[in-house]
Amino acid sequence: MVGNEADGVDPHAPHPDHLEVIAAGVLRGGHGPVLVSTTYVTAPGGAAIFAAGTTDWACALEPPCPGGIAPPATVDAVRAITRNVVLGLAEPYAGLRHPVQPWPVPTARQYLQTRQHPATGTYGSATEAEPAASDPPNHQP
């Protein structure tokens, strides 16, 4: 579920040590495949941050979105995740009570190679038929 903008974690760029990628997908386009992700971050003092990673997250909570209505399974999943996040973050020191389960952030290529049914989409003028076998030139797996 990606709207007119999506964010992700670049495994080659600095990012918090206490980071968990909750959901991920790959967008294919003119600058190569990019990993988009929903993340959860905690801080040693107990703070917690949830980043949906897409401008259409709210549309799944209250359809319709400008690009159409999300599939029912997507709407159900987004609503359940949102409920759990709101309830979890409402607790004092949520980051200590709900620590991240860190895992290495994959490159777009690694994500595509390690998932049986990877979540993919396109950006820009790309089409699904375009190959996504490589990362952007400046990124090495």
C-alpha atoms as a PDB file:
ATOM      1  CA  MET A   1       0.000   0.000   0.000  1.00  0.00           C
ATOM      2  CA  VAL A   2       1.847   3.030  -1.291  1.00  0.00           C
ATOM      3  CA  GLY A   3       0.388   6.422  -2.049  1.00  0.00           C
ATOM      4  CA  ASN A   4       2.003   9.308  -3.832  1.00  0.00           C
ATOM      5  CA  GLU A   5       5.001   9.037  -1.504  1.00  0.00           C
ATOM      6  CA  ALA A   6       6.757   6.257   0.366  1.00  0.00           C
ATOM      7  CA  ASP A   7       9.795   6.030   2.602  1.00  0.00           C
ATOM      8  CA  GLY A   8      12.169   3.282   3.516  1.00  0.00           C
ATOM      9  CA  VAL A   9      15.363   2.465   5.321  1.00  0.00           C
ATOM     10  CA  ASP A  10      18.531   2.611   3.254  1.00  0.00           C
ATOM     11  CA  PRO A  11      20.749  -0.181   4.606  1.00  0.00           C
ATOM     12  CA  HIS A  12      23.844   1.729   3.455  1.00  0.00           C
ATOM     13  CA  ALA A  13      22.955   4.951   5.287  1.00  0.00           C
ATOM     14  CA  PRO A  14      23.124   5.613   9.021  1.00  0.00           C
ATOM     15  CA  HIS A  15      20.018   4.534  10.908  1.00  0.00           C
ATOM     16  CA  PRO A  16      19.124   3.958  14.574  1.00  0.00           C
ATOM     17  CA  ASP A  17      20.561   0.885  16.267  1.00  0.00           C
ATOM     18  CA  HIS A  18      17.188   0.029  17.776  1.00  0.00           C
ATOM     19  CA  LEU A  19      15.254  -0.273  14.500  1.00  0.00           C
ATOM     20  CA  GLU A  20      12.741  -2.909  13.448  1.00  0.00           C
ATOM     21  CA  VAL A  21      11.352  -3.167   9.948  1.00  0.00           C
ATOM     22  CA  ILE A  22       7.747  -4.269  10.449  1.00  0.00           C
ATOM     23  CA  ALA A  23       6.801  -4.470   6.772  1.00  0.00           C
ATOM     24  CA  ALA A  24       8.671  -3.928   3.516  1.00  0.00           C
ATOM     25  CA  GLY A  25       8.289  -3.964  -0.216  1.00  0.00           C
ATOM     26  CA  VAL A  26      10.204  -2.978  -3.328  1.00  0.00           C
ATOM     27  CA  LEU A  27       9.311  -0.251  -5.799  1.00  0.00           C
ATOM     28  CA  ARG A  28      10.841  -0.490  -9.267  1.00  0.00           C
ATOM     29  CA  GLY A  29      11.594   2.574 -11.335  1.00  0.00           C
ATOM     30  CA  GLY A  30      14.046   4.726 -13.225  1.00  0.00           C
ATOM     31  CA  HIS A  31      16.550   4.940 -10.358  1.00  0.00           C
ATOM     32  CA  GLY A  32      16.541   1.191  -9.758  1.00  0.00           C
ATOM     33  CA  PRO A  33      14.616  -0.783  -7.161  1.00  0.00           C
ATOM     34  CA  VAL A  34      14.155   0.857  -3.775  1.00  0.00           C
ATOM     35  CA  LEU A  35      13.100  -0.715  -0.499  1.00  0.00           C
ATOM     36  CA  VAL A  36      10.086   0.916   1.157  1.00  0.00           C
ATOM     37  CA  SER A  37       9.298   0.055   4.743  1.00  0.00           C
ATOM     38  CA  THR A  38       7.185   0.507   7.834  1.00  0.00           C
ATOM     39  CA  THR A  39       9.463   0.831  10.855  1.00  0.00           C
ATOM     40  CA  TYR A  40       9.518   0.909  14.633  1.00  0.00           C
ATOM     41  CA  VAL A  41      12.335   2.555  16.580  1.00  0.00           C
ATOM     42  CA  THR A  42      13.045   2.679  20.309  1.00  0.00           C
ATOM     43  CA  ALA A  43      15.428   4.816  22.354  1.00  0.00           C
ATOM     44  CA  PRO A  44      17.319   3.803  25.507  1.00  0.00           C
ATOM     45  CA  GLY A  45      15.228   6.246  27.581  1.00  0.00           C
ATOM     46  CA  GLY A  46      11.990   4.473  26.646  1.00  0.00           C
ATOM     47  CA  ALA A  47      10.743   6.537  23.722  1.00  0.00           C
ATOM     48  CA  ALA A  48       9.187   4.700  20.783  1.00  0.00           C
ATOM     49  CA  ILE A  49       8.528   5.841  17.218  1.00  0.00           C
ATOM     50  CA  PHE A  50       6.301   4.237  14.589  1.00  0.00           C
ATOM     51  CA  ALA A  51       6.773   5.314  10.964  1.00  0.00           C
ATOM     52  CA  ALA A  52       4.131   4.075   8.523  1.00  0.00           C
ATOM     53  CA  GLY A  53       6.355   4.845   5.545  1.00  0.00           C
ATOM     54  CA  THR A  54       3.485   5.808   3.231  1.00  0.00           C
ATOM     55  CA  THR A  55       1.109   8.715   2.854  1.00  0.00           C
ATOM     56  CA  ASP A  56      -1.777   6.304   2.211  1.00  0.00           C
ATOM     57  CA  TRP A  57      -1.691   4.621   5.636  1.00  0.00           C
ATOM     58  CA  ALA A  58      -4.598   6.772   6.828  1.00  0.00           C
ATOM     59  CA  CYS A  59      -6.604   5.958   3.695  1.00  0.00           C
ATOM     60  CA  ALA A  60      -6.725   2.300   4.687  1.00  0.00           C
ATOM     61  CA  LEU A  61      -8.185   3.335   8.041  1.00  0.00           C
ATOM     62  CA  GLU A  62     -10.910   5.445   6.460  1.00  0.00           C
ATOM     63  CA  PRO A  63     -11.315   4.619   2.734  1.00  0.00           C
ATOM     64  CA  PRO A  64     -11.411   5.575  -0.019  1.00  0.00           C
ATOM     65  CA  CYS A  65      -7.941   6.684  -1.022  1.00  0.00           C
ATOM     66  CA  PRO A  66      -7.364   8.935  -4.029  1.00  0.00           C
ATOM     67  CA  GLY A  67      -5.895   5.966  -5.912  1.00  0.00           C
ATOM     68  CA  GLY A  68      -8.768   3.630  -5.035  1.00  0.00           C
ATOM     69  CA  ILE A  69      -9.833   1.415  -2.176  1.00  0.00           C
ATOM     70  CA  ALA A  70      -7.269  -0.915  -0.609  1.00  0.00           C
ATOM     71  CA  PRO A  71      -8.092  -4.653  -0.615  1.00  0.00           C
ATOM     72  CA  PRO A  72     -10.081  -5.792   2.461  1.00  0.00           C
ATOM     73  CA  ALA A  73      -7.161  -7.850   3.811  1.00  0.00           C
ATOM     74  CA  THR A  74      -4.918  -4.766   3.626  1.00  0.00           C
ATOM     75  CA  VAL A  75      -7.508  -2.603   5.387  1.00  0.00           C
ATOM     76  CA  ASP A  76      -7.885  -5.238   8.133  1.00  0.00           C
ATOM     77  CA  ALA A  77      -4.103  -5.525   8.601  1.00  0.00           C
ATOM     78  CA  VAL A  78      -3.544  -1.745   8.705  1.00  0.00           C
ATOM     79  CA  ARG A  79      -6.367  -1.314  11.224  1.00  0.00           C
ATOM     80  CA  ALA A  80      -4.990  -4.095  13.461  1.00  0.00           C
ATOM     81  CA  ILE A  81      -1.433  -2.728  13.302  1.00  0.00           C
ATOM     82  CA  THR A  82      -2.658   0.802  14.023  1.00  0.00           C
ATOM     83  CA  ARG A  83      -4.691  -0.381  17.009  1.00  0.00           C
ATOM     84  CA  ASN A  84      -1.705  -2.265  18.433  1.00  0.00           C
ATOM     85  CA  VAL A  85       0.617   0.695  17.851  1.00  0.00           C
ATOM     86  CA  VAL A  86      -1.720   3.221  19.497  1.00  0.00           C
ATOM     87  CA  LEU A  87      -2.327   0.972  22.499  1.00  0.00           C
ATOM     88  CA  GLY A  88       1.383   0.173  22.831  1.00  0.00           C
ATOM     89  CA  LEU A  89       2.551   3.779  22.512  1.00  0.00           C
ATOM     90  CA  ALA A  90      -0.023   4.904  25.055  1.00  0.00           C
ATOM     91  CA  GLU A  91       1.949   3.095  27.768  1.00  0.00           C
ATOM     92  CA  PRO A  92       4.643   5.051  29.634  1.00  0.00           C
ATOM     93  CA  TYR A  93       8.128   4.139  28.426  1.00  0.00           C
ATOM     94  CA  ALA A  94       6.675   2.179  25.524  1.00  0.00           C
ATOM     95  CA  GLY A  95      10.131   1.636  24.031  1.00  0.00           C
ATOM     96  CA  LEU A  96      11.250  -0.257  27.138  1.00  0.00           C
ATOM     97  CA  ARG A  97       8.018  -2.230  27.446  1.00  0.00           C
ATOM     98  CA  HIS A  98       7.992  -3.113  23.757  1.00  0.00           C
ATOM     99  CA  PRO A  99      11.620  -3.404  22.609  1.00  0.00           C
ATOM    100  CA  VAL A 100      12.412  -3.797  18.930  1.00  0.00           C
ATOM    101  CA  GLN A 101      13.246  -7.153  17.419  1.00  0.00           C
ATOM    102  CA  PRO A 102      16.087  -5.922  15.181  1.00  0.00           C
ATOM    103  CA  TRP A 103      17.037  -7.649  11.974  1.00  0.00           C
ATOM    104  CA  PRO A 104      19.490  -6.576   9.292  1.00  0.00           C
ATOM    105  CA  VAL A 105      17.897  -4.161   6.828  1.00  0.00           C
ATOM    106  CA  PRO A 106      18.105  -5.790   3.382  1.00  0.00           C
ATOM    107  CA  THR A 107      18.860  -4.072   0.096  1.00  0.00           C
ATOM    108  CA  ALA A 108      16.088  -4.126  -2.508  1.00  0.00           C
ATOM    109  CA  ARG A 109      17.896  -6.952  -4.326  1.00  0.00           C
ATOM    110  CA  GLN A 110      18.245  -9.038  -1.145  1.00  0.00           C
ATOM    111  CA  TYR A 111      14.568  -8.519  -0.333  1.00  0.00           C
ATOM    112  CA  LEU A 112      13.497  -9.717  -3.796  1.00  0.00           C
ATOM    113  CA  GLN A 113      15.808 -12.741  -3.622  1.00  0.00           C
ATOM    114  CA  THR A 114      14.748 -13.887  -0.154  1.00  0.00           C
ATOM    115  CA  ARG A 115      10.958 -13.604  -0.403  1.00  0.00           C
ATOM    116  CA  GLN A 116       8.795 -16.219  -2.085  1.00  0.00           C
ATOM    117  CA  HIS A 117       6.107 -13.620  -2.898  1.00  0.00           C
ATOM    118  CA  PRO A 118       7.723 -10.192  -2.485  1.00  0.00           C
ATOM    119  CA  ALA A 119       5.532  -7.102  -2.288  1.00  0.00           C
ATOM    120  CA  THR A 120       6.420  -5.010  -5.328  1.00  0.00           C
ATOM    121  CA  GLY A 121       5.189  -1.959  -7.166  1.00  0.00           C
ATOM    122  CA  THR A 122       6.451   0.803  -9.410  1.00  0.00           C
ATOM    123  CA  TYR A 123       7.313   4.489  -9.216  1.00  0.00           C
ATOM    124  CA  GLY A 124       7.740   7.164 -11.823  1.00  0.00           C
ATOM    125  CA  SER A 125       7.066   5.956 -15.349  1.00  0.00           C
ATOM    126  CA  ALA A 126       8.167   2.371 -14.639  1.00  0.00           C
ATOM    127  CA  THR A 127       6.051  -0.686 -15.316  1.00  0.00           C
ATOM    128  CA  GLU A 128       5.945  -3.997 -13.466  1.00  0.00           C
ATOM    129  CA  ALA A 129       7.579  -5.652 -16.492  1.00  0.00           C
ATOM    130  CA  GLU A 130      10.843  -3.759 -15.978  1.00  0.00           C
ATOM    131  CA  PRO A 131      13.632  -5.858 -14.436  1.00  0.00           C
ATOM    132  CA  ALA A 132      14.604  -5.297 -10.819  1.00  0.00           C
ATOM    133  CA  ALA A 133      17.691  -7.464 -10.697  1.00  0.00           C
ATOM    134  CA  SER A 134      20.053  -4.782  -9.463  1.00  0.00           C
ATOM    135  CA  ASP A 135      20.252  -2.121  -6.818  1.00  0.00           C
ATOM    136  CA  PRO A 136      20.880   1.510  -7.683  1.00  0.00           C
ATOM    137  CA  PRO A 137      24.452   1.927  -9.005  1.00  0.00           C
ATOM    138  CA  ASN A 138      25.732   3.529  -5.800  1.00  0.00           C
ATOM    139  CA  HIS A 139      24.489   0.655  -3.609  1.00  0.00           C
ATOM    140  CA  GLN A 140      26.329  -2.625  -3.288  1.00  0.00           C
ATOM    141  CA  PRO A 141      24.679  -5.646  -1.596  1.00  0.00           C
END
